[in-house]
Amino acid sequence: MRQMQEPSFLILTALAAGPQHGYGVITDVARISDGQVRLRAGTLYAAFDRLQAEGLIAEDREEIVDGRIRRYYRLTGDGTARLAAEAERMSRHARAATARLRAAGSGGMA
């Protein structure tokens, strides 16, 4: 399994809270990343297409708002498992880095 790119990880993280439409995901990703990641609509919908093709997300429902279709997406079971695996992988890497920084007496670790 290849490593997940940060935007995909953050999109899945946003959807872990429940189904959301595109703009909701964009704002949630910005919030989760403390403004470090700002998705554009084109990037988001390309990611949605790829994540759907991989079976990690699915369309949840559609609604009409101001005459426009608002499509909601949700995590699938495979998406939840993949997000959990990726979060654990990242956590292992962070623990290894922290341990090495502590051992070297650097990095401002207490």
PDB file of N, CA and C in Angstrom:
ATOM      1  N   MET A   1       0.855  -1.181   0.000  1.00  0.00           N
ATOM      2  CA  MET A   1       0.000   0.000   0.000  1.00  0.00           C
ATOM      3  C   MET A   1       0.901   1.244   0.000  1.00  0.00           C
ATOM      4  N   ARG A   2       0.635   2.139  -0.907  1.00  0.00           N
ATOM      5  CA  ARG A   2       1.473   3.335  -0.986  1.00  0.00           C
ATOM      6  C   ARG A   2       1.032   4.373   0.037  1.00  0.00           C
ATOM      7  N   GLN A   3       1.991   5.220   0.385  1.00  0.00           N
ATOM      8  CA  GLN A   3       1.737   6.277   1.363  1.00  0.00           C
ATOM      9  C   GLN A   3       0.696   7.256   0.826  1.00  0.00           C
ATOM     10  N   MET A   4      -0.197   7.681   1.695  1.00  0.00           N
ATOM     11  CA  MET A   4      -1.250   8.616   1.323  1.00  0.00           C
ATOM     12  C   MET A   4      -0.713  10.044   1.329  1.00  0.00           C
ATOM     13  N   GLN A   5      -1.099  10.817   0.349  1.00  0.00           N
ATOM     14  CA  GLN A   5      -0.709  12.227   0.290  1.00  0.00           C
ATOM     15  C   GLN A   5      -1.498  13.022   1.332  1.00  0.00           C
ATOM     16  N   GLU A   6      -0.906  14.107   1.804  1.00  0.00           N
ATOM     17  CA  GLU A   6      -1.514  14.905   2.868  1.00  0.00           C
ATOM     18  C   GLU A   6      -2.932  15.388   2.539  1.00  0.00           C
ATOM     19  N   PRO A   7      -3.192  15.924   1.338  1.00  0.00           N
ATOM     20  CA  PRO A   7      -4.576  16.361   1.068  1.00  0.00           C
ATOM     21  C   PRO A   7      -5.588  15.224   1.184  1.00  0.00           C
ATOM     22  N   SER A   8      -5.250  14.042   0.685  1.00  0.00           N
ATOM     23  CA  SER A   8      -6.164  12.895   0.802  1.00  0.00           C
ATOM     24  C   SER A   8      -6.383  12.518   2.256  1.00  0.00           C
ATOM     25  N   PHE A   9      -5.306  12.501   3.031  1.00  0.00           N
ATOM     26  CA  PHE A   9      -5.413  12.194   4.460  1.00  0.00           C
ATOM     27  C   PHE A   9      -6.347  13.196   5.149  1.00  0.00           C
ATOM     28  N   LEU A  10      -6.186  14.470   4.843  1.00  0.00           N
ATOM     29  CA  LEU A  10      -7.017  15.496   5.477  1.00  0.00           C
ATOM     30  C   LEU A  10      -8.464  15.435   5.012  1.00  0.00           C
ATOM     31  N   ILE A  11      -8.694  15.093   3.753  1.00  0.00           N
ATOM     32  CA  ILE A  11     -10.066  14.928   3.247  1.00  0.00           C
ATOM     33  C   ILE A  11     -10.743  13.780   3.990  1.00  0.00           C
ATOM     34  N   LEU A  12     -10.056  12.648   4.111  1.00  0.00           N
ATOM     35  CA  LEU A  12     -10.634  11.518   4.846  1.00  0.00           C
ATOM     36  C   LEU A  12     -10.853  11.875   6.309  1.00  0.00           C
ATOM     37  N   THR A  13      -9.923  12.625   6.883  1.00  0.00           N
ATOM     38  CA  THR A  13     -10.074  13.058   8.274  1.00  0.00           C
ATOM     39  C   THR A  13     -11.313  13.934   8.424  1.00  0.00           C
ATOM     40  N   ALA A  14     -11.527  14.845   7.490  1.00  0.00           N
ATOM     41  CA  ALA A  14     -12.724  15.701   7.537  1.00  0.00           C
ATOM     42  C   ALA A  14     -13.987  14.853   7.454  1.00  0.00           C
ATOM     43  N   LEU A  15     -13.992  13.862   6.585  1.00  0.00           N
ATOM     44  CA  LEU A  15     -15.184  13.019   6.407  1.00  0.00           C
ATOM     45  C   LEU A  15     -15.385  12.040   7.561  1.00  0.00           C
ATOM     46  N   ALA A  16     -14.355  11.830   8.381  1.00  0.00           N
ATOM     47  CA  ALA A  16     -14.501  10.945   9.542  1.00  0.00           C
ATOM     48  C   ALA A  16     -15.511  11.504  10.542  1.00  0.00           C
ATOM     49  N   ALA A  17     -15.735  12.809  10.506  1.00  0.00           N
ATOM     50  CA  ALA A  17     -16.713  13.438  11.402  1.00  0.00           C
ATOM     51  C   ALA A  17     -18.147  13.230  10.909  1.00  0.00           C
ATOM     52  N   GLY A  18     -18.306  12.779   9.677  1.00  0.00           N
ATOM     53  CA  GLY A  18     -19.627  12.558   9.102  1.00  0.00           C
ATOM     54  C   GLY A  18     -19.683  13.109   7.692  1.00  0.00           C
ATOM     55  N   PRO A  19     -20.762  12.796   6.963  1.00  0.00           N
ATOM     56  CA  PRO A  19     -20.884  13.248   5.577  1.00  0.00           C
ATOM     57  C   PRO A  19     -20.802  14.773   5.459  1.00  0.00           C
ATOM     58  N   GLN A  20     -20.123  15.228   4.414  1.00  0.00           N
ATOM     59  CA  GLN A  20     -19.987  16.656   4.157  1.00  0.00           C
ATOM     60  C   GLN A  20     -20.030  16.906   2.651  1.00  0.00           C
ATOM     61  N   HIS A  21     -20.401  18.116   2.292  1.00  0.00           N
ATOM     62  CA  HIS A  21     -20.337  18.544   0.889  1.00  0.00           C
ATOM     63  C   HIS A  21     -18.972  19.185   0.656  1.00  0.00           C
ATOM     64  N   GLY A  22     -18.675  19.481  -0.596  1.00  0.00           N
ATOM     65  CA  GLY A  22     -17.354  19.959  -0.974  1.00  0.00           C
ATOM     66  C   GLY A  22     -16.870  21.171  -0.204  1.00  0.00           C
ATOM     67  N   TYR A  23     -17.694  22.211  -0.122  1.00  0.00           N
ATOM     68  CA  TYR A  23     -17.257  23.417   0.575  1.00  0.00           C
ATOM     69  C   TYR A  23     -17.014  23.132   2.057  1.00  0.00           C
ATOM     70  N   GLY A  24     -17.840  22.270   2.638  1.00  0.00           N
ATOM     71  CA  GLY A  24     -17.641  21.882   4.030  1.00  0.00           C
ATOM     72  C   GLY A  24     -16.303  21.199   4.228  1.00  0.00           C
ATOM     73  N   VAL A  25     -15.924  20.335   3.288  1.00  0.00           N
ATOM     74  CA  VAL A  25     -14.632  19.655   3.376  1.00  0.00           C
ATOM     75  C   VAL A  25     -13.495  20.663   3.243  1.00  0.00           C
ATOM     76  N   ILE A  26     -13.625  21.594   2.295  1.00  0.00           N
ATOM     77  CA  ILE A  26     -12.589  22.613   2.101  1.00  0.00           C
ATOM     78  C   ILE A  26     -12.356  23.402   3.387  1.00  0.00           C
ATOM     79  N   THR A  27     -13.436  23.843   4.026  1.00  0.00           N
ATOM     80  CA  THR A  27     -13.280  24.631   5.250  1.00  0.00           C
ATOM     81  C   THR A  27     -12.795  23.771   6.417  1.00  0.00           C
ATOM     82  N   ASP A  28     -13.236  22.522   6.477  1.00  0.00           N
ATOM     83  CA  ASP A  28     -12.802  21.636   7.554  1.00  0.00           C
ATOM     84  C   ASP A  28     -11.314  21.303   7.420  1.00  0.00           C
ATOM     85  N   VAL A  29     -10.847  21.043   6.202  1.00  0.00           N
ATOM     86  CA  VAL A  29      -9.423  20.764   5.983  1.00  0.00           C
ATOM     87  C   VAL A  29      -8.579  21.968   6.400  1.00  0.00           C
ATOM     88  N   ALA A  30      -9.020  23.166   6.061  1.00  0.00           N
ATOM     89  CA  ALA A  30      -8.282  24.370   6.476  1.00  0.00           C
ATOM     90  C   ALA A  30      -8.228  24.461   8.000  1.00  0.00           C
ATOM     91  N   ARG A  31      -9.332  24.127   8.660  1.00  0.00           N
ATOM     92  CA  ARG A  31      -9.391  24.176  10.125  1.00  0.00           C
ATOM     93  C   ARG A  31      -8.490  23.095  10.743  1.00  0.00           C
ATOM     94  N   ILE A  32      -8.588  21.865  10.242  1.00  0.00           N
ATOM     95  CA  ILE A  32      -7.793  20.749  10.759  1.00  0.00           C
ATOM     96  C   ILE A  32      -6.297  21.045  10.636  1.00  0.00           C
ATOM     97  N   SER A  33      -5.916  21.655   9.516  1.00  0.00           N
ATOM     98  CA  SER A  33      -4.494  21.909   9.244  1.00  0.00           C
ATOM     99  C   SER A  33      -4.029  23.266   9.753  1.00  0.00           C
ATOM    100  N   ASP A  34      -4.850  23.938  10.544  1.00  0.00           N
ATOM    101  CA  ASP A  34      -4.522  25.277  11.045  1.00  0.00           C
ATOM    102  C   ASP A  34      -4.183  26.232   9.906  1.00  0.00           C
ATOM    103  N   GLY A  35      -4.911  26.093   8.795  1.00  0.00           N
ATOM    104  CA  GLY A  35      -4.725  26.984   7.653  1.00  0.00           C
ATOM    105  C   GLY A  35      -3.535  26.653   6.775  1.00  0.00           C
ATOM    106  N   GLN A  36      -2.813  25.578   7.088  1.00  0.00           N
ATOM    107  CA  GLN A  36      -1.634  25.210   6.302  1.00  0.00           C
ATOM    108  C   GLN A  36      -1.997  24.595   4.953  1.00  0.00           C
ATOM    109  N   VAL A  37      -3.161  23.943   4.879  1.00  0.00           N
ATOM    110  CA  VAL A  37      -3.610  23.322   3.631  1.00  0.00           C
ATOM    111  C   VAL A  37      -4.923  23.975   3.230  1.00  0.00           C
ATOM    112  N   ARG A  38      -4.906  24.570   2.051  1.00  0.00           N
ATOM    113  CA  ARG A  38      -6.103  25.210   1.493  1.00  0.00           C
ATOM    114  C   ARG A  38      -6.397  24.567   0.155  1.00  0.00           C
ATOM    115  N   LEU A  39      -7.423  23.742   0.134  1.00  0.00           N
ATOM    116  CA  LEU A  39      -7.790  23.035  -1.088  1.00  0.00           C
ATOM    117  C   LEU A  39      -8.580  23.943  -2.022  1.00  0.00           C
ATOM    118  N   ARG A  40      -8.298  23.840  -3.294  1.00  0.00           N
ATOM    119  CA  ARG A  40      -9.106  24.500  -4.310  1.00  0.00           C
ATOM    120  C   ARG A  40     -10.156  23.506  -4.780  1.00  0.00           C
ATOM    121  N   ALA A  41     -11.260  24.018  -5.304  1.00  0.00           N
ATOM    122  CA  ALA A  41     -12.364  23.147  -5.716  1.00  0.00           C
ATOM    123  C   ALA A  41     -11.903  22.093  -6.725  1.00  0.00           C
ATOM    124  N   GLY A  42     -11.120  22.479  -7.710  1.00  0.00           N
ATOM    125  CA  GLY A  42     -10.663  21.527  -8.723  1.00  0.00           C
ATOM    126  C   GLY A  42      -9.843  20.404  -8.120  1.00  0.00           C
ATOM    127  N   THR A  43      -8.969  20.744  -7.196  1.00  0.00           N
ATOM    128  CA  THR A  43      -8.141  19.752  -6.503  1.00  0.00           C
ATOM    129  C   THR A  43      -9.019  18.825  -5.675  1.00  0.00           C
ATOM    130  N   LEU A  44      -9.987  19.407  -4.972  1.00  0.00           N
ATOM    131  CA  LEU A  44     -10.879  18.615  -4.120  1.00  0.00           C
ATOM    132  C   LEU A  44     -11.677  17.610  -4.937  1.00  0.00           C
ATOM    133  N   TYR A  45     -12.297  18.067  -6.028  1.00  0.00           N
ATOM    134  CA  TYR A  45     -13.159  17.164  -6.788  1.00  0.00           C
ATOM    135  C   TYR A  45     -12.355  16.110  -7.536  1.00  0.00           C
ATOM    136  N   ALA A  46     -11.125  16.423  -7.930  1.00  0.00           N
ATOM    137  CA  ALA A  46     -10.250  15.391  -8.506  1.00  0.00           C
ATOM    138  C   ALA A  46      -9.921  14.350  -7.437  1.00  0.00           C
ATOM    139  N   ALA A  47      -9.660  14.805  -6.209  1.00  0.00           N
ATOM    140  CA  ALA A  47      -9.388  13.888  -5.100  1.00  0.00           C
ATOM    141  C   ALA A  47     -10.630  13.054  -4.780  1.00  0.00           C
ATOM    142  N   PHE A  48     -11.803  13.680  -4.770  1.00  0.00           N
ATOM    143  CA  PHE A  48     -13.046  12.935  -4.549  1.00  0.00           C
ATOM    144  C   PHE A  48     -13.179  11.809  -5.574  1.00  0.00           C
ATOM    145  N   ASP A  49     -12.940  12.119  -6.856  1.00  0.00           N
ATOM    146  CA  ASP A  49     -13.054  11.102  -7.904  1.00  0.00           C
ATOM    147  C   ASP A  49     -12.085   9.943  -7.644  1.00  0.00           C
ATOM    148  N   ARG A  50     -10.838  10.260  -7.305  1.00  0.00           N
ATOM    149  CA  ARG A  50      -9.828   9.237  -7.052  1.00  0.00           C
ATOM    150  C   ARG A  50     -10.178   8.416  -5.813  1.00  0.00           C
ATOM    151  N   LEU A  51     -10.586   9.091  -4.736  1.00  0.00           N
ATOM    152  CA  LEU A  51     -10.927   8.386  -3.500  1.00  0.00           C
ATOM    153  C   LEU A  51     -12.158   7.502  -3.692  1.00  0.00           C
ATOM    154  N   GLN A  52     -13.102   7.953  -4.521  1.00  0.00           N
ATOM    155  CA  GLN A  52     -14.261   7.109  -4.843  1.00  0.00           C
ATOM    156  C   GLN A  52     -13.828   5.890  -5.635  1.00  0.00           C
ATOM    157  N   ALA A  53     -12.965   6.082  -6.635  1.00  0.00           N
ATOM    158  CA  ALA A  53     -12.487   4.968  -7.455  1.00  0.00           C
ATOM    159  C   ALA A  53     -11.742   3.945  -6.601  1.00  0.00           C
ATOM    160  N   GLU A  54     -11.061   4.410  -5.551  1.00  0.00           N
ATOM    161  CA  GLU A  54     -10.338   3.522  -4.637  1.00  0.00           C
ATOM    162  C   GLU A  54     -11.264   2.887  -3.599  1.00  0.00           C
ATOM    163  N   GLY A  55     -12.537   3.286  -3.580  1.00  0.00           N
ATOM    164  CA  GLY A  55     -13.495   2.722  -2.634  1.00  0.00           C
ATOM    165  C   GLY A  55     -13.380   3.266  -1.228  1.00  0.00           C
ATOM    166  N   LEU A  56     -12.708   4.421  -1.068  1.00  0.00           N
ATOM    167  CA  LEU A  56     -12.501   4.987   0.267  1.00  0.00           C
ATOM    168  C   LEU A  56     -13.605   5.947   0.682  1.00  0.00           C
ATOM    169  N   ILE A  57     -14.285   6.549  -0.292  1.00  0.00           N
ATOM    170  CA  ILE A  57     -15.438   7.411  -0.013  1.00  0.00           C
ATOM    171  C   ILE A  57     -16.554   7.046  -0.975  1.00  0.00           C
ATOM    172  N   ALA A  58     -17.759   7.483  -0.646  1.00  0.00           N
ATOM    173  CA  ALA A  58     -18.921   7.259  -1.505  1.00  0.00           C
ATOM    174  C   ALA A  58     -19.836   8.466  -1.403  1.00  0.00           C
ATOM    175  N   GLU A  59     -20.646   8.654  -2.437  1.00  0.00           N
ATOM    176  CA  GLU A  59     -21.665   9.704  -2.360  1.00  0.00           C
ATOM    177  C   GLU A  59     -22.674   9.292  -1.312  1.00  0.00           C
ATOM    178  N   ASP A  60     -23.065  10.252  -0.480  1.00  0.00           N
ATOM    179  CA  ASP A  60     -24.020   9.986   0.589  1.00  0.00           C
ATOM    180  C   ASP A  60     -25.421  10.417   0.182  1.00  0.00           C
ATOM    181  N   ARG A  61     -25.521  11.653  -0.320  1.00  0.00           N
ATOM    182  CA  ARG A  61     -26.814  12.191  -0.738  1.00  0.00           C
ATOM    183  C   ARG A  61     -26.590  13.478  -1.527  1.00  0.00           C
ATOM    184  N   GLU A  62     -27.660  13.957  -2.141  1.00  0.00           N
ATOM    185  CA  GLU A  62     -27.639  15.243  -2.830  1.00  0.00           C
ATOM    186  C   GLU A  62     -28.808  16.071  -2.327  1.00  0.00           C
ATOM    187  N   GLU A  63     -28.627  17.393  -2.364  1.00  0.00           N
ATOM    188  CA  GLU A  63     -29.724  18.300  -2.064  1.00  0.00           C
ATOM    189  C   GLU A  63     -29.594  19.506  -2.982  1.00  0.00           C
ATOM    190  N   ILE A  64     -30.679  20.184  -3.188  1.00  0.00           N
ATOM    191  CA  ILE A  64     -30.676  21.390  -4.007  1.00  0.00           C
ATOM    192  C   ILE A  64     -30.651  22.599  -3.072  1.00  0.00           C
ATOM    193  N   VAL A  65     -29.661  23.456  -3.256  1.00  0.00           N
ATOM    194  CA  VAL A  65     -29.518  24.676  -2.457  1.00  0.00           C
ATOM    195  C   VAL A  65     -29.345  25.830  -3.440  1.00  0.00           C
ATOM    196  N   ASP A  66     -30.254  26.800  -3.385  1.00  0.00           N
ATOM    197  CA  ASP A  66     -30.214  27.948  -4.290  1.00  0.00           C
ATOM    198  C   ASP A  66     -30.125  27.517  -5.752  1.00  0.00           C
ATOM    199  N   GLY A  67     -30.860  26.471  -6.101  1.00  0.00           N
ATOM    200  CA  GLY A  67     -30.912  26.006  -7.479  1.00  0.00           C
ATOM    201  C   GLY A  67     -29.707  25.191  -7.926  1.00  0.00           C
ATOM    202  N   ARG A  68     -28.787  24.903  -7.009  1.00  0.00           N
ATOM    203  CA  ARG A  68     -27.584  24.126  -7.357  1.00  0.00           C
ATOM    204  C   ARG A  68     -27.555  22.829  -6.555  1.00  0.00           C
ATOM    205  N   ILE A  69     -27.013  21.802  -7.181  1.00  0.00           N
ATOM    206  CA  ILE A  69     -26.898  20.510  -6.496  1.00  0.00           C
ATOM    207  C   ILE A  69     -25.718  20.548  -5.530  1.00  0.00           C
ATOM    208  N   ARG A  70     -25.978  20.153  -4.304  1.00  0.00           N
ATOM    209  CA  ARG A  70     -24.931  20.015  -3.289  1.00  0.00           C
ATOM    210  C   ARG A  70     -24.816  18.520  -3.003  1.00  0.00           C
ATOM    211  N   ARG A  71     -23.676  17.949  -3.330  1.00  0.00           N
ATOM    212  CA  ARG A  71     -23.444  16.525  -3.160  1.00  0.00           C
ATOM    213  C   ARG A  71     -22.627  16.295  -1.886  1.00  0.00           C
ATOM    214  N   TYR A  72     -23.086  15.369  -1.071  1.00  0.00           N
ATOM    215  CA  TYR A  72     -22.404  15.012   0.175  1.00  0.00           C
ATOM    216  C   TYR A  72     -21.660  13.692  -0.021  1.00  0.00           C
ATOM    217  N   TYR A  73     -20.497  13.598   0.621  1.00  0.00           N
ATOM    218  CA  TYR A  73     -19.673  12.400   0.563  1.00  0.00           C
ATOM    219  C   TYR A  73     -19.462  11.874   1.964  1.00  0.00           C
ATOM    220  N   ARG A  74     -19.203  10.563   2.058  1.00  0.00           N
ATOM    221  CA  ARG A  74     -18.965   9.921   3.347  1.00  0.00           C
ATOM    222  C   ARG A  74     -17.837   8.914   3.207  1.00  0.00           C
ATOM    223  N   LEU A  75     -17.223   8.583   4.329  1.00  0.00           N
ATOM    224  CA  LEU A  75     -16.228   7.520   4.352  1.00  0.00           C
ATOM    225  C   LEU A  75     -16.912   6.174   4.183  1.00  0.00           C
ATOM    226  N   THR A  76     -16.267   5.264   3.510  1.00  0.00           N
ATOM    227  CA  THR A  76     -16.721   3.876   3.465  1.00  0.00           C
ATOM    228  C   THR A  76     -16.001   3.116   4.579  1.00  0.00           C
ATOM    229  N   GLY A  77     -16.344   1.870   4.763  1.00  0.00           N
ATOM    230  CA  GLY A  77     -15.624   1.042   5.728  1.00  0.00           C
ATOM    231  C   GLY A  77     -14.150   0.944   5.371  1.00  0.00           C
ATOM    232  N   ASP A  78     -13.858   0.770   4.071  1.00  0.00           N
ATOM    233  CA  ASP A  78     -12.458   0.723   3.626  1.00  0.00           C
ATOM    234  C   ASP A  78     -11.763   2.055   3.880  1.00  0.00           C
ATOM    235  N   GLY A  79     -12.494   3.157   3.713  1.00  0.00           N
ATOM    236  CA  GLY A  79     -11.920   4.480   3.956  1.00  0.00           C
ATOM    237  C   GLY A  79     -11.568   4.674   5.418  1.00  0.00           C
ATOM    238  N   THR A  80     -12.444   4.218   6.287  1.00  0.00           N
ATOM    239  CA  THR A  80     -12.187   4.310   7.725  1.00  0.00           C
ATOM    240  C   THR A  80     -10.956   3.492   8.100  1.00  0.00           C
ATOM    241  N   ALA A  81     -10.867   2.270   7.567  1.00  0.00           N
ATOM    242  CA  ALA A  81      -9.718   1.410   7.860  1.00  0.00           C
ATOM    243  C   ALA A  81      -8.428   2.014   7.316  1.00  0.00           C
ATOM    244  N   ARG A  82      -8.484   2.568   6.112  1.00  0.00           N
ATOM    245  CA  ARG A  82      -7.278   3.158   5.513  1.00  0.00           C
ATOM    246  C   ARG A  82      -6.832   4.398   6.289  1.00  0.00           C
ATOM    247  N   LEU A  83      -7.787   5.231   6.706  1.00  0.00           N
ATOM    248  CA  LEU A  83      -7.447   6.411   7.501  1.00  0.00           C
ATOM    249  C   LEU A  83      -6.814   5.993   8.823  1.00  0.00           C
ATOM    250  N   ALA A  84      -7.375   4.989   9.471  1.00  0.00           N
ATOM    251  CA  ALA A  84      -6.818   4.510  10.744  1.00  0.00           C
ATOM    252  C   ALA A  84      -5.407   3.973  10.548  1.00  0.00           C
ATOM    253  N   ALA A  85      -5.183   3.224   9.479  1.00  0.00           N
ATOM    254  CA  ALA A  85      -3.853   2.670   9.210  1.00  0.00           C
ATOM    255  C   ALA A  85      -2.853   3.782   8.923  1.00  0.00           C
ATOM    256  N   GLU A  86      -3.264   4.765   8.167  1.00  0.00           N
ATOM    257  CA  GLU A  86      -2.371   5.883   7.833  1.00  0.00           C
ATOM    258  C   GLU A  86      -2.061   6.717   9.075  1.00  0.00           C
ATOM    259  N   ALA A  87      -3.064   6.943   9.925  1.00  0.00           N
ATOM    260  CA  ALA A  87      -2.839   7.697  11.162  1.00  0.00           C
ATOM    261  C   ALA A  87      -1.860   6.952  12.061  1.00  0.00           C
ATOM    262  N   GLU A  88      -1.982   5.632  12.142  1.00  0.00           N
ATOM    263  CA  GLU A  88      -1.059   4.831  12.957  1.00  0.00           C
ATOM    264  C   GLU A  88       0.349   4.877  12.377  1.00  0.00           C
ATOM    265  N   ARG A  89       0.474   4.801  11.053  1.00  0.00           N
ATOM    266  CA  ARG A  89       1.785   4.871  10.411  1.00  0.00           C
ATOM    267  C   ARG A  89       2.461   6.200  10.727  1.00  0.00           C
ATOM    268  N   MET A  90       1.706   7.288  10.605  1.00  0.00           N
ATOM    269  CA  MET A  90       2.261   8.611  10.885  1.00  0.00           C
ATOM    270  C   MET A  90       2.633   8.738  12.359  1.00  0.00           C
ATOM    271  N   SER A  91       1.829   8.183  13.236  1.00  0.00           N
ATOM    272  CA  SER A  91       2.097   8.227  14.671  1.00  0.00           C
ATOM    273  C   SER A  91       3.381   7.474  15.010  1.00  0.00           C
ATOM    274  N   ARG A  92       3.588   6.308  14.391  1.00  0.00           N
ATOM    275  CA  ARG A  92       4.830   5.549  14.609  1.00  0.00           C
ATOM    276  C   ARG A  92       6.044   6.368  14.195  1.00  0.00           C
ATOM    277  N   HIS A  93       5.948   7.014  13.049  1.00  0.00           N
ATOM    278  CA  HIS A  93       7.060   7.845  12.572  1.00  0.00           C
ATOM    279  C   HIS A  93       7.328   9.007  13.526  1.00  0.00           C
ATOM    280  N   ALA A  94       6.271   9.638  14.012  1.00  0.00           N
ATOM    281  CA  ALA A  94       6.432  10.760  14.936  1.00  0.00           C
ATOM    282  C   ALA A  94       7.056  10.288  16.251  1.00  0.00           C
ATOM    283  N   ARG A  95       6.638   9.121  16.755  1.00  0.00           N
ATOM    284  CA  ARG A  95       7.221   8.592  17.993  1.00  0.00           C
ATOM    285  C   ARG A  95       8.703   8.293  17.802  1.00  0.00           C
ATOM    286  N   ALA A  96       9.073   7.734  16.663  1.00  0.00           N
ATOM    287  CA  ALA A  96      10.487   7.433  16.390  1.00  0.00           C
ATOM    288  C   ALA A  96      11.305   8.721  16.341  1.00  0.00           C
ATOM    289  N   ALA A  97      10.776   9.745  15.672  1.00  0.00           N
ATOM    290  CA  ALA A  97      11.502  11.019  15.590  1.00  0.00           C
ATOM    291  C   ALA A  97      11.655  11.645  16.967  1.00  0.00           C
ATOM    292  N   THR A  98      10.586  11.624  17.756  1.00  0.00           N
ATOM    293  CA  THR A  98      10.622  12.200  19.101  1.00  0.00           C
ATOM    294  C   THR A  98      11.633  11.462  19.981  1.00  0.00           C
ATOM    295  N   ALA A  99      11.639  10.137  19.901  1.00  0.00           N
ATOM    296  CA  ALA A  99      12.586   9.343  20.705  1.00  0.00           C
ATOM    297  C   ALA A  99      14.022   9.666  20.323  1.00  0.00           C
ATOM    298  N   ARG A 100      14.282   9.802  19.046  1.00  0.00           N
ATOM    299  CA  ARG A 100      15.650  10.110  18.615  1.00  0.00           C
ATOM    300  C   ARG A 100      16.059  11.522  19.024  1.00  0.00           C
ATOM    301  N   LEU A 101      15.138  12.454  18.946  1.00  0.00           N
ATOM    302  CA  LEU A 101      15.448  13.819  19.380  1.00  0.00           C
ATOM    303  C   LEU A 101      15.756  13.851  20.874  1.00  0.00           C
ATOM    304  N   ARG A 102      14.979  13.124  21.646  1.00  0.00           N
ATOM    305  CA  ARG A 102      15.226  13.061  23.095  1.00  0.00           C
ATOM    306  C   ARG A 102      16.571  12.423  23.386  1.00  0.00           C
ATOM    307  N   ALA A 103      16.869  11.346  22.695  1.00  0.00           N
ATOM    308  CA  ALA A 103      18.129  10.637  22.906  1.00  0.00           C
ATOM    309  C   ALA A 103      19.329  11.506  22.547  1.00  0.00           C
ATOM    310  N   ALA A 104      19.136  12.346  21.548  1.00  0.00           N
ATOM    311  CA  ALA A 104      20.229  13.235  21.121  1.00  0.00           C
ATOM    312  C   ALA A 104      20.289  14.491  21.976  1.00  0.00           C
ATOM    313  N   GLY A 105      19.270  14.676  22.839  1.00  0.00           N
ATOM    314  CA  GLY A 105      19.232  15.845  23.698  1.00  0.00           C
ATOM    315  C   GLY A 105      18.971  17.130  22.924  1.00  0.00           C
ATOM    316  N   SER A 106      18.251  17.017  21.797  1.00  0.00           N
ATOM    317  CA  SER A 106      17.967  18.203  20.988  1.00  0.00           C
ATOM    318  C   SER A 106      16.483  18.323  20.713  1.00  0.00           C
ATOM    319  N   GLY A 107      16.141  19.357  20.018  1.00  0.00           N
ATOM    320  CA  GLY A 107      14.771  19.555  19.586  1.00  0.00           C
ATOM    321  C   GLY A 107      13.865  20.164  20.618  1.00  0.00           C
ATOM    322  N   GLY A 108      14.434  20.602  21.738  1.00  0.00           N
ATOM    323  CA  GLY A 108      13.608  21.258  22.743  1.00  0.00           C
ATOM    324  C   GLY A 108      12.645  20.330  23.441  1.00  0.00           C
ATOM    325  N   MET A 109      12.908  19.008  23.400  1.00  0.00           N
ATOM    326  CA  MET A 109      12.025  18.047  24.042  1.00  0.00           C
ATOM    327  C   MET A 109      12.246  18.083  25.548  1.00  0.00           C
ATOM    328  N   ALA A 110      11.186  18.038  26.300  1.00  0.00           N
ATOM    329  CA  ALA A 110      11.281  18.053  27.767  1.00  0.00           C
ATOM    330  C   ALA A 110      11.287  16.663  28.330  1.00  0.00           C
TER     331      ALA A 110
END
